Full PDB file with SEQRES, HELIX, SHEET, SSBOND, CRYST1, ORIGX, SCALE, CONECT and MASTER records, all heavy atoms in Angstrom:
SEQRES   1 A   36  LYS HIS TRP GLN GLN ILE PRO ASN ASP THR ASN ILE LEU          
SEQRES   2 A   36  VAL THR HIS THR PRO PRO PHE GLY ILE LEU ASP GLU SER          
SEQRES   3 A   36  ARG SER GLY ARG ARG TYR GLY CYS GLU GLU                      
HELIX    1 AA1 TRP A    3  GLN A    5  5                                   3    
CRYST1    1.000    1.000    1.000  90.00  90.00  90.00 P 1           1          
ORIGX1      1.000000  0.000000  0.000000        0.00000                         
ORIGX2      0.000000  1.000000  0.000000        0.00000                         
ORIGX3      0.000000  0.000000  1.000000        0.00000                         
SCALE1      1.000000  0.000000  0.000000        0.00000                         
SCALE2      0.000000  1.000000  0.000000        0.00000                         
SCALE3      0.000000  0.000000  1.000000        0.00000                         
ATOM      1  N   LYS A   1       1.122 -12.148   3.230  1.00  0.00           N  
ATOM      2  CA  LYS A   1       1.672 -13.276   2.347  1.00  0.00           C  
ATOM      3  C   LYS A   1       1.890 -12.825   0.933  1.00  0.00           C  
ATOM      4  O   LYS A   1       2.808 -13.243   0.204  1.00  0.00           O  
ATOM      5  CB  LYS A   1       0.725 -14.472   2.389  1.00  0.00           C  
ATOM      6  CG  LYS A   1      -0.612 -14.201   1.682  1.00  0.00           C  
ATOM      7  CD  LYS A   1      -1.486 -15.498   1.813  1.00  0.00           C  
ATOM      8  CE  LYS A   1      -2.836 -15.197   1.082  1.00  0.00           C  
ATOM      9  NZ  LYS A   1      -3.745 -16.348   1.240  1.00  0.00           N  
ATOM     10  N   HIS A   2       1.104 -11.848   0.538  1.00  0.00           N  
ATOM     11  CA  HIS A   2       1.233 -11.237  -0.866  1.00  0.00           C  
ATOM     12  C   HIS A   2       2.511 -10.354  -0.933  1.00  0.00           C  
ATOM     13  O   HIS A   2       3.312 -10.479  -1.839  1.00  0.00           O  
ATOM     14  CB  HIS A   2       0.029 -10.430  -1.357  1.00  0.00           C  
ATOM     15  CG  HIS A   2      -1.240 -11.238  -1.403  1.00  0.00           C  
ATOM     16  ND1 HIS A   2      -1.419 -12.320  -2.289  1.00  0.00           N  
ATOM     17  CD2 HIS A   2      -2.426 -11.213  -0.659  1.00  0.00           C  
ATOM     18  CE1 HIS A   2      -2.503 -12.837  -2.204  1.00  0.00           C  
ATOM     19  NE2 HIS A   2      -3.164 -12.282  -1.215  1.00  0.00           N  
ATOM     20  N   TRP A   3       2.601  -9.483   0.094  1.00  0.00           N  
ATOM     21  CA  TRP A   3       3.712  -8.528  -0.025  1.00  0.00           C  
ATOM     22  C   TRP A   3       5.083  -9.252   0.246  1.00  0.00           C  
ATOM     23  O   TRP A   3       6.160  -8.716  -0.127  1.00  0.00           O  
ATOM     24  CB  TRP A   3       3.486  -7.445   1.067  1.00  0.00           C  
ATOM     25  CG  TRP A   3       2.103  -6.890   0.994  1.00  0.00           C  
ATOM     26  CD1 TRP A   3       1.268  -6.577   1.999  1.00  0.00           C  
ATOM     27  CD2 TRP A   3       1.377  -6.516  -0.187  1.00  0.00           C  
ATOM     28  NE1 TRP A   3       0.086  -6.004   1.614  1.00  0.00           N  
ATOM     29  CE2 TRP A   3       0.122  -5.947   0.252  1.00  0.00           C  
ATOM     30  CE3 TRP A   3       1.661  -6.542  -1.571  1.00  0.00           C  
ATOM     31  CZ2 TRP A   3      -0.823  -5.513  -0.611  1.00  0.00           C  
ATOM     32  CZ3 TRP A   3       0.625  -6.116  -2.383  1.00  0.00           C  
ATOM     33  CH2 TRP A   3      -0.564  -5.629  -1.986  1.00  0.00           C  
ATOM     34  N   GLN A   4       5.097 -10.306   0.859  1.00  0.00           N  
ATOM     35  CA  GLN A   4       6.398 -11.078   1.121  1.00  0.00           C  
ATOM     36  C   GLN A   4       6.880 -11.632  -0.239  1.00  0.00           C  
ATOM     37  O   GLN A   4       8.132 -11.836  -0.335  1.00  0.00           O  
ATOM     38  CB  GLN A   4       6.254 -12.248   2.086  1.00  0.00           C  
ATOM     39  CG  GLN A   4       5.967 -11.806   3.500  1.00  0.00           C  
ATOM     40  CD  GLN A   4       7.183 -11.011   4.044  1.00  0.00           C  
ATOM     41  OE1 GLN A   4       6.994  -9.774   4.277  1.00  0.00           O  
ATOM     42  NE2 GLN A   4       8.408 -11.486   4.062  1.00  0.00           N  
ATOM     43  N   GLN A   5       6.019 -11.638  -1.211  1.00  0.00           N  
ATOM     44  CA  GLN A   5       6.489 -12.101  -2.540  1.00  0.00           C  
ATOM     45  C   GLN A   5       7.230 -11.079  -3.302  1.00  0.00           C  
ATOM     46  O   GLN A   5       7.832 -11.274  -4.343  1.00  0.00           O  
ATOM     47  CB  GLN A   5       5.319 -12.600  -3.425  1.00  0.00           C  
ATOM     48  CG  GLN A   5       4.557 -13.728  -2.824  1.00  0.00           C  
ATOM     49  CD  GLN A   5       3.413 -14.160  -3.613  1.00  0.00           C  
ATOM     50  OE1 GLN A   5       3.480 -14.443  -4.773  1.00  0.00           O  
ATOM     51  NE2 GLN A   5       2.186 -14.271  -2.922  1.00  0.00           N  
ATOM     52  N   ILE A   6       7.163  -9.752  -2.926  1.00  0.00           N  
ATOM     53  CA  ILE A   6       7.821  -8.634  -3.650  1.00  0.00           C  
ATOM     54  C   ILE A   6       9.360  -8.829  -3.522  1.00  0.00           C  
ATOM     55  O   ILE A   6       9.939  -8.932  -2.467  1.00  0.00           O  
ATOM     56  CB  ILE A   6       7.455  -7.334  -2.981  1.00  0.00           C  
ATOM     57  CG1 ILE A   6       5.927  -7.096  -2.993  1.00  0.00           C  
ATOM     58  CG2 ILE A   6       8.212  -6.090  -3.800  1.00  0.00           C  
ATOM     59  CD1 ILE A   6       5.469  -5.881  -2.232  1.00  0.00           C  
ATOM     60  N   PRO A   7      10.027  -8.938  -4.636  1.00  0.00           N  
ATOM     61  CA  PRO A   7      11.467  -9.038  -4.619  1.00  0.00           C  
ATOM     62  C   PRO A   7      12.158  -7.860  -4.039  1.00  0.00           C  
ATOM     63  O   PRO A   7      11.670  -6.771  -4.121  1.00  0.00           O  
ATOM     64  CB  PRO A   7      11.810  -9.183  -6.122  1.00  0.00           C  
ATOM     65  CG  PRO A   7      10.524  -9.569  -6.831  1.00  0.00           C  
ATOM     66  CD  PRO A   7       9.372  -9.031  -6.015  1.00  0.00           C  
ATOM     67  N   ASN A   8      13.232  -8.190  -3.306  1.00  0.00           N  
ATOM     68  CA  ASN A   8      14.014  -7.112  -2.661  1.00  0.00           C  
ATOM     69  C   ASN A   8      14.523  -6.083  -3.625  1.00  0.00           C  
ATOM     70  O   ASN A   8      14.884  -4.983  -3.222  1.00  0.00           O  
ATOM     71  CB  ASN A   8      15.121  -7.693  -1.750  1.00  0.00           C  
ATOM     72  CG  ASN A   8      14.546  -8.557  -0.620  1.00  0.00           C  
ATOM     73  OD1 ASN A   8      13.466  -8.216  -0.096  1.00  0.00           O  
ATOM     74  ND2 ASN A   8      15.308  -9.443  -0.172  1.00  0.00           N  
ATOM     75  N   ASP A   9      14.757  -6.488  -4.826  1.00  0.00           N  
ATOM     76  CA  ASP A   9      15.384  -5.560  -5.888  1.00  0.00           C  
ATOM     77  C   ASP A   9      14.438  -4.741  -6.624  1.00  0.00           C  
ATOM     78  O   ASP A   9      14.770  -4.237  -7.713  1.00  0.00           O  
ATOM     79  CB  ASP A   9      16.414  -6.322  -6.650  1.00  0.00           C  
ATOM     80  CG  ASP A   9      15.854  -7.429  -7.520  1.00  0.00           C  
ATOM     81  OD1 ASP A   9      14.565  -7.706  -7.345  1.00  0.00           O  
ATOM     82  OD2 ASP A   9      16.533  -8.082  -8.339  1.00  0.00           O  
ATOM     83  N   THR A  10      13.083  -4.790  -6.278  1.00  0.00           N  
ATOM     84  CA  THR A  10      12.090  -4.081  -7.038  1.00  0.00           C  
ATOM     85  C   THR A  10      12.453  -2.546  -7.167  1.00  0.00           C  
ATOM     86  O   THR A  10      12.651  -1.989  -6.161  1.00  0.00           O  
ATOM     87  CB  THR A  10      10.700  -4.333  -6.449  1.00  0.00           C  
ATOM     88  OG1 THR A  10      10.460  -5.722  -6.471  1.00  0.00           O  
ATOM     89  CG2 THR A  10       9.610  -3.528  -7.158  1.00  0.00           C  
ATOM     90  N   ASN A  11      12.290  -2.015  -8.307  1.00  0.00           N  
ATOM     91  CA  ASN A  11      12.498  -0.529  -8.541  1.00  0.00           C  
ATOM     92  C   ASN A  11      11.113   0.145  -8.492  1.00  0.00           C  
ATOM     93  O   ASN A  11      11.035   1.280  -7.824  1.00  0.00           O  
ATOM     94  CB  ASN A  11      13.253  -0.175  -9.858  1.00  0.00           C  
ATOM     95  CG  ASN A  11      14.562  -0.878  -9.904  1.00  0.00           C  
ATOM     96  OD1 ASN A  11      14.859  -1.688 -10.834  1.00  0.00           O  
ATOM     97  ND2 ASN A  11      15.490  -0.560  -9.013  1.00  0.00           N  
ATOM     98  N   ILE A  12      10.153  -0.296  -9.255  1.00  0.00           N  
ATOM     99  CA  ILE A  12       8.871   0.301  -9.299  1.00  0.00           C  
ATOM    100  C   ILE A  12       7.782  -0.700  -8.911  1.00  0.00           C  
ATOM    101  O   ILE A  12       7.641  -1.826  -9.565  1.00  0.00           O  
ATOM    102  CB  ILE A  12       8.582   0.710 -10.735  1.00  0.00           C  
ATOM    103  CG1 ILE A  12       9.701   1.865 -11.138  1.00  0.00           C  
ATOM    104  CG2 ILE A  12       7.199   1.364 -10.868  1.00  0.00           C  
ATOM    105  CD1 ILE A  12       9.464   2.466 -12.508  1.00  0.00           C  
ATOM    106  N   LEU A  13       7.038  -0.377  -7.833  1.00  0.00           N  
ATOM    107  CA  LEU A  13       6.033  -1.290  -7.259  1.00  0.00           C  
ATOM    108  C   LEU A  13       4.727  -0.754  -7.774  1.00  0.00           C  
ATOM    109  O   LEU A  13       4.363   0.469  -7.694  1.00  0.00           O  
ATOM    110  CB  LEU A  13       6.115  -1.294  -5.826  1.00  0.00           C  
ATOM    111  CG  LEU A  13       5.101  -2.069  -4.962  1.00  0.00           C  
ATOM    112  CD1 LEU A  13       5.108  -3.686  -5.330  1.00  0.00           C  
ATOM    113  CD2 LEU A  13       5.238  -1.953  -3.488  1.00  0.00           C  
ATOM    114  N   VAL A  14       3.849  -1.696  -8.220  1.00  0.00           N  
ATOM    115  CA  VAL A  14       2.483  -1.307  -8.656  1.00  0.00           C  
ATOM    116  C   VAL A  14       1.499  -2.297  -7.844  1.00  0.00           C  
ATOM    117  O   VAL A  14       1.478  -3.457  -7.979  1.00  0.00           O  
ATOM    118  CB  VAL A  14       2.289  -1.536 -10.201  1.00  0.00           C  
ATOM    119  CG1 VAL A  14       0.908  -1.021 -10.641  1.00  0.00           C  
ATOM    120  CG2 VAL A  14       3.370  -0.905 -10.981  1.00  0.00           C  
ATOM    121  N   THR A  15       0.725  -1.536  -7.062  1.00  0.00           N  
ATOM    122  CA  THR A  15      -0.362  -2.239  -6.315  1.00  0.00           C  
ATOM    123  C   THR A  15      -1.657  -1.493  -6.448  1.00  0.00           C  
ATOM    124  O   THR A  15      -1.622  -0.239  -6.788  1.00  0.00           O  
ATOM    125  CB  THR A  15       0.032  -2.325  -4.736  1.00  0.00           C  
ATOM    126  OG1 THR A  15       0.107  -1.004  -4.184  1.00  0.00           O  
ATOM    127  CG2 THR A  15       1.332  -3.040  -4.621  1.00  0.00           C  
ATOM    128  N   HIS A  16      -2.737  -2.206  -6.151  1.00  0.00           N  
ATOM    129  CA  HIS A  16      -3.954  -1.394  -6.267  1.00  0.00           C  
ATOM    130  C   HIS A  16      -4.203  -0.592  -4.992  1.00  0.00           C  
ATOM    131  O   HIS A  16      -4.613   0.584  -5.029  1.00  0.00           O  
ATOM    132  CB  HIS A  16      -5.221  -2.319  -6.429  1.00  0.00           C  
ATOM    133  CG  HIS A  16      -6.558  -1.582  -6.754  1.00  0.00           C  
ATOM    134  ND1 HIS A  16      -6.563  -0.676  -7.742  1.00  0.00           N  
ATOM    135  CD2 HIS A  16      -7.648  -1.620  -6.083  1.00  0.00           C  
ATOM    136  CE1 HIS A  16      -7.845  -0.130  -7.742  1.00  0.00           C  
ATOM    137  NE2 HIS A  16      -8.480  -0.637  -6.750  1.00  0.00           N  
ATOM    138  N   THR A  17      -3.857  -1.235  -3.883  1.00  0.00           N  
ATOM    139  CA  THR A  17      -4.069  -0.513  -2.535  1.00  0.00           C  
ATOM    140  C   THR A  17      -2.916   0.378  -2.263  1.00  0.00           C  
ATOM    141  O   THR A  17      -1.787   0.082  -2.646  1.00  0.00           O  
ATOM    142  CB  THR A  17      -4.157  -1.546  -1.433  1.00  0.00           C  
ATOM    143  OG1 THR A  17      -4.378  -0.793  -0.238  1.00  0.00           O  
ATOM    144  CG2 THR A  17      -2.931  -2.442  -1.263  1.00  0.00           C  
ATOM    145  N   PRO A  18      -3.192   1.466  -1.603  1.00  0.00           N  
ATOM    146  CA  PRO A  18      -2.080   2.305  -1.066  1.00  0.00           C  
ATOM    147  C   PRO A  18      -1.494   1.569   0.144  1.00  0.00           C  
ATOM    148  O   PRO A  18      -2.151   0.755   0.782  1.00  0.00           O  
ATOM    149  CB  PRO A  18      -2.709   3.606  -0.654  1.00  0.00           C  
ATOM    150  CG  PRO A  18      -4.167   3.555  -1.162  1.00  0.00           C  
ATOM    151  CD  PRO A  18      -4.465   2.179  -1.304  1.00  0.00           C  
ATOM    152  N   PRO A  19      -0.324   1.984   0.559  1.00  0.00           N  
ATOM    153  CA  PRO A  19       0.161   1.635   1.862  1.00  0.00           C  
ATOM    154  C   PRO A  19      -0.483   2.494   2.976  1.00  0.00           C  
ATOM    155  O   PRO A  19      -1.068   3.493   2.661  1.00  0.00           O  
ATOM    156  CB  PRO A  19       1.687   1.994   1.880  1.00  0.00           C  
ATOM    157  CG  PRO A  19       1.734   3.090   0.849  1.00  0.00           C  
ATOM    158  CD  PRO A  19       0.689   2.773  -0.169  1.00  0.00           C  
ATOM    159  N   PHE A  20      -0.676   2.014   4.169  1.00  0.00           N  
ATOM    160  CA  PHE A  20      -1.358   2.720   5.180  1.00  0.00           C  
ATOM    161  C   PHE A  20      -0.674   3.991   5.472  1.00  0.00           C  
ATOM    162  O   PHE A  20       0.498   4.105   5.676  1.00  0.00           O  
ATOM    163  CB  PHE A  20      -1.469   1.922   6.453  1.00  0.00           C  
ATOM    164  CG  PHE A  20      -2.319   2.534   7.534  1.00  0.00           C  
ATOM    165  CD1 PHE A  20      -3.668   2.377   7.537  1.00  0.00           C  
ATOM    166  CD2 PHE A  20      -1.750   3.295   8.523  1.00  0.00           C  
ATOM    167  CE1 PHE A  20      -4.466   3.001   8.438  1.00  0.00           C  
ATOM    168  CE2 PHE A  20      -2.541   3.912   9.505  1.00  0.00           C  
ATOM    169  CZ  PHE A  20      -3.901   3.762   9.424  1.00  0.00           C  
ATOM    170  N   GLY A  21      -1.545   5.119   5.469  1.00  0.00           N  
ATOM    171  CA  GLY A  21      -1.010   6.392   5.868  1.00  0.00           C  
ATOM    172  C   GLY A  21      -0.430   7.289   4.759  1.00  0.00           C  
ATOM    173  O   GLY A  21       0.023   8.448   5.092  1.00  0.00           O  
ATOM    174  N   ILE A  22      -0.431   6.791   3.525  1.00  0.00           N  
ATOM    175  CA  ILE A  22       0.096   7.539   2.434  1.00  0.00           C  
ATOM    176  C   ILE A  22      -0.952   7.671   1.317  1.00  0.00           C  
ATOM    177  O   ILE A  22      -1.237   6.625   0.600  1.00  0.00           O  
ATOM    178  CB  ILE A  22       1.441   6.892   1.954  1.00  0.00           C  
ATOM    179  CG1 ILE A  22       2.520   6.883   3.063  1.00  0.00           C  
ATOM    180  CG2 ILE A  22       1.980   7.721   0.701  1.00  0.00           C  
ATOM    181  CD1 ILE A  22       3.697   6.093   2.605  1.00  0.00           C  
ATOM    182  N   LEU A  23      -1.396   8.810   1.102  1.00  0.00           N  
ATOM    183  CA  LEU A  23      -2.430   9.076   0.014  1.00  0.00           C  
ATOM    184  C   LEU A  23      -3.529   8.055  -0.003  1.00  0.00           C  
ATOM    185  O   LEU A  23      -3.965   7.599  -0.986  1.00  0.00           O  
ATOM    186  CB  LEU A  23      -1.693   8.971  -1.368  1.00  0.00           C  
ATOM    187  CG  LEU A  23      -0.532   9.991  -1.514  1.00  0.00           C  
ATOM    188  CD1 LEU A  23       0.131   9.822  -2.888  1.00  0.00           C  
ATOM    189  CD2 LEU A  23      -1.006  11.544  -1.373  1.00  0.00           C  
ATOM    190  N   ASP A  24      -4.047   7.754   1.241  1.00  0.00           N  
ATOM    191  CA  ASP A  24      -5.018   6.677   1.432  1.00  0.00           C  
ATOM    192  C   ASP A  24      -6.264   7.177   2.219  1.00  0.00           C  
ATOM    193  O   ASP A  24      -6.924   6.384   2.681  1.00  0.00           O  
ATOM    194  CB  ASP A  24      -4.453   5.460   2.156  1.00  0.00           C  
ATOM    195  CG  ASP A  24      -4.087   5.722   3.570  1.00  0.00           C  
ATOM    196  OD1 ASP A  24      -3.808   6.948   3.893  1.00  0.00           O  
ATOM    197  OD2 ASP A  24      -4.030   4.799   4.365  1.00  0.00           O  
ATOM    198  N   GLU A  25      -6.412   8.491   2.312  1.00  0.00           N  
ATOM    199  CA  GLU A  25      -7.428   8.995   3.110  1.00  0.00           C  
ATOM    200  C   GLU A  25      -8.743   9.226   2.361  1.00  0.00           C  
ATOM    201  O   GLU A  25      -8.722   9.872   1.317  1.00  0.00           O  
ATOM    202  CB  GLU A  25      -7.050  10.380   3.826  1.00  0.00           C  
ATOM    203  CG  GLU A  25      -7.907  10.874   4.803  1.00  0.00           C  
ATOM    204  CD  GLU A  25      -7.351  12.060   5.543  1.00  0.00           C  
ATOM    205  OE1 GLU A  25      -6.179  12.316   5.505  1.00  0.00           O  
ATOM    206  OE2 GLU A  25      -8.205  12.876   6.099  1.00  0.00           O  
ATOM    207  N   SER A  26      -9.841   8.690   2.782  1.00  0.00           N  
ATOM    208  CA  SER A  26     -11.177   8.841   2.155  1.00  0.00           C  
ATOM    209  C   SER A  26     -11.726  10.318   2.369  1.00  0.00           C  
ATOM    210  O   SER A  26     -11.181  11.016   3.120  1.00  0.00           O  
ATOM    211  CB  SER A  26     -12.077   7.863   2.597  1.00  0.00           C  
ATOM    212  OG  SER A  26     -12.464   8.156   3.990  1.00  0.00           O  
ATOM    213  N   ARG A  27     -12.837  10.522   1.709  1.00  0.00           N  
ATOM    214  CA  ARG A  27     -13.450  11.919   1.919  1.00  0.00           C  
ATOM    215  C   ARG A  27     -13.849  12.060   3.327  1.00  0.00           C  
ATOM    216  O   ARG A  27     -14.079  13.195   3.881  1.00  0.00           O  
ATOM    217  CB  ARG A  27     -14.660  11.993   0.956  1.00  0.00           C  
ATOM    218  CG  ARG A  27     -14.149  12.223  -0.526  1.00  0.00           C  
ATOM    219  CD  ARG A  27     -15.394  12.304  -1.389  1.00  0.00           C  
ATOM    220  NE  ARG A  27     -16.080  11.051  -1.532  1.00  0.00           N  
ATOM    221  CZ  ARG A  27     -17.213  10.824  -2.087  1.00  0.00           C  
ATOM    222  NH1 ARG A  27     -17.900  11.880  -2.543  1.00  0.00           N  
ATOM    223  NH2 ARG A  27     -17.841   9.748  -1.994  1.00  0.00           N  
ATOM    224  N   SER A  28     -14.223  10.928   4.009  1.00  0.00           N  
ATOM    225  CA  SER A  28     -14.648  11.010   5.400  1.00  0.00           C  
ATOM    226  C   SER A  28     -13.456  11.204   6.433  1.00  0.00           C  
ATOM    227  O   SER A  28     -13.689  11.277   7.618  1.00  0.00           O  
ATOM    228  CB  SER A  28     -15.374   9.765   5.869  1.00  0.00           C  
ATOM    229  OG  SER A  28     -14.629   8.672   5.830  1.00  0.00           O  
ATOM    230  N   GLY A  29     -12.263  11.116   5.954  1.00  0.00           N  
ATOM    231  CA  GLY A  29     -11.084  11.215   6.729  1.00  0.00           C  
ATOM    232  C   GLY A  29     -10.494   9.844   7.239  1.00  0.00           C  
ATOM    233  O   GLY A  29      -9.494   9.865   8.007  1.00  0.00           O  
ATOM    234  N   ARG A  30     -11.160   8.837   6.850  1.00  0.00           N  
ATOM    235  CA  ARG A  30     -10.664   7.485   7.275  1.00  0.00           C  
ATOM    236  C   ARG A  30      -9.588   6.942   6.321  1.00  0.00           C  
ATOM    237  O   ARG A  30      -9.616   7.231   5.229  1.00  0.00           O  
ATOM    238  CB  ARG A  30     -11.803   6.362   7.349  1.00  0.00           C  
ATOM    239  CG  ARG A  30     -11.274   5.036   7.696  1.00  0.00           C  
ATOM    240  CD  ARG A  30     -12.473   4.113   7.767  1.00  0.00           C  
ATOM    241  NE  ARG A  30     -12.054   2.791   8.054  1.00  0.00           N  
ATOM    242  CZ  ARG A  30     -12.794   1.704   8.176  1.00  0.00           C  
ATOM    243  NH1 ARG A  30     -14.102   1.853   7.957  1.00  0.00           N  
ATOM    244  NH2 ARG A  30     -12.323   0.440   8.464  1.00  0.00           N  
ATOM    245  N   ARG A  31      -8.561   6.352   6.977  1.00  0.00           N  
ATOM    246  CA  ARG A  31      -7.473   5.820   6.041  1.00  0.00           C  
ATOM    247  C   ARG A  31      -7.697   4.349   5.778  1.00  0.00           C  
ATOM    248  O   ARG A  31      -7.991   3.483   6.691  1.00  0.00           O  
ATOM    249  CB  ARG A  31      -6.152   5.968   6.803  1.00  0.00           C  
ATOM    250  CG  ARG A  31      -5.709   7.473   6.877  1.00  0.00           C  
ATOM    251  CD  ARG A  31      -4.308   7.608   7.255  1.00  0.00           C  
ATOM    252  NE  ARG A  31      -3.821   9.037   7.289  1.00  0.00           N  
ATOM    253  CZ  ARG A  31      -3.504   9.790   6.191  1.00  0.00           C  
ATOM    254  NH1 ARG A  31      -3.467   9.190   5.018  1.00  0.00           N  
ATOM    255  NH2 ARG A  31      -3.175  11.056   6.291  1.00  0.00           N  
ATOM    256  N   TYR A  32      -7.516   3.958   4.554  1.00  0.00           N  
ATOM    257  CA  TYR A  32      -7.928   2.553   4.015  1.00  0.00           C  
ATOM    258  C   TYR A  32      -6.735   1.843   3.488  1.00  0.00           C  
ATOM    259  O   TYR A  32      -6.794   0.674   3.061  1.00  0.00           O  
ATOM    260  CB  TYR A  32      -8.957   2.639   2.958  1.00  0.00           C  
ATOM    261  CG  TYR A  32     -10.266   2.935   3.526  1.00  0.00           C  
ATOM    262  CD1 TYR A  32     -10.837   4.168   3.585  1.00  0.00           C  
ATOM    263  CD2 TYR A  32     -11.163   1.906   3.960  1.00  0.00           C  
ATOM    264  CE1 TYR A  32     -12.033   4.444   4.086  1.00  0.00           C  
ATOM    265  CE2 TYR A  32     -12.475   2.098   4.399  1.00  0.00           C  
ATOM    266  CZ  TYR A  32     -12.948   3.431   4.477  1.00  0.00           C  
ATOM    267  OH  TYR A  32     -14.146   3.644   4.964  1.00  0.00           O  
ATOM    268  N   GLY A  33      -5.496   2.430   3.557  1.00  0.00           N  
ATOM    269  CA  GLY A  33      -4.346   1.745   3.202  1.00  0.00           C  
ATOM    270  C   GLY A  33      -3.973   0.322   3.892  1.00  0.00           C  
ATOM    271  O   GLY A  33      -4.571   0.198   4.982  1.00  0.00           O  
ATOM    272  N   CYS A  34      -2.987  -0.284   3.427  1.00  0.00           N  
ATOM    273  CA  CYS A  34      -2.674  -1.614   3.963  1.00  0.00           C  
ATOM    274  C   CYS A  34      -1.456  -1.485   5.009  1.00  0.00           C  
ATOM    275  O   CYS A  34      -0.365  -1.079   4.495  1.00  0.00           O  
ATOM    276  CB  CYS A  34      -2.308  -2.574   2.890  1.00  0.00           C  
ATOM    277  SG  CYS A  34      -1.935  -4.215   3.494  1.00  0.00           S  
ATOM    278  N   GLU A  35      -1.637  -1.853   6.209  1.00  0.00           N  
ATOM    279  CA  GLU A  35      -0.472  -1.760   7.066  1.00  0.00           C  
ATOM    280  C   GLU A  35       0.579  -2.791   6.786  1.00  0.00           C  
ATOM    281  O   GLU A  35       1.696  -2.421   7.085  1.00  0.00           O  
ATOM    282  CB  GLU A  35      -1.088  -2.084   8.535  1.00  0.00           C  
ATOM    283  CG  GLU A  35      -2.101  -1.113   9.152  1.00  0.00           C  
ATOM    284  CD  GLU A  35      -3.517  -1.525   8.736  1.00  0.00           C  
ATOM    285  OE1 GLU A  35      -3.763  -2.383   7.861  1.00  0.00           O  
ATOM    286  OE2 GLU A  35      -4.508  -0.932   9.412  1.00  0.00           O  
ATOM    287  N   GLU A  36       0.231  -3.952   6.391  1.00  0.00           N  
ATOM    288  CA  GLU A  36       1.205  -4.937   6.090  1.00  0.00           C  
ATOM    289  C   GLU A  36       2.125  -4.501   4.890  1.00  0.00           C  
ATOM    290  O   GLU A  36       3.286  -4.805   4.824  1.00  0.00           O  
ATOM    291  CB  GLU A  36       0.613  -6.258   5.752  1.00  0.00           C  
ATOM    292  CG  GLU A  36      -0.125  -6.888   6.881  1.00  0.00           C  
ATOM    293  CD  GLU A  36       0.744  -7.100   8.128  1.00  0.00           C  
ATOM    294  OE1 GLU A  36       1.921  -7.530   7.958  1.00  0.00           O  
ATOM    295  OE2 GLU A  36       0.246  -6.883   9.269  1.00  0.00           O  
TER     296      GLU A  36                                                      
MASTER        0    0    0    1    0    0    0    6  295    1    0    3          
END                                                                             
């Protein structure tokens, strides 16, 4: 519901969470990014 608010014409997106699978790997190897 939060990400649906992002306008389609956004040039630079700033979020605290990474997206899932991109620069989101912890030291233990687990990925914590957001799939949505």
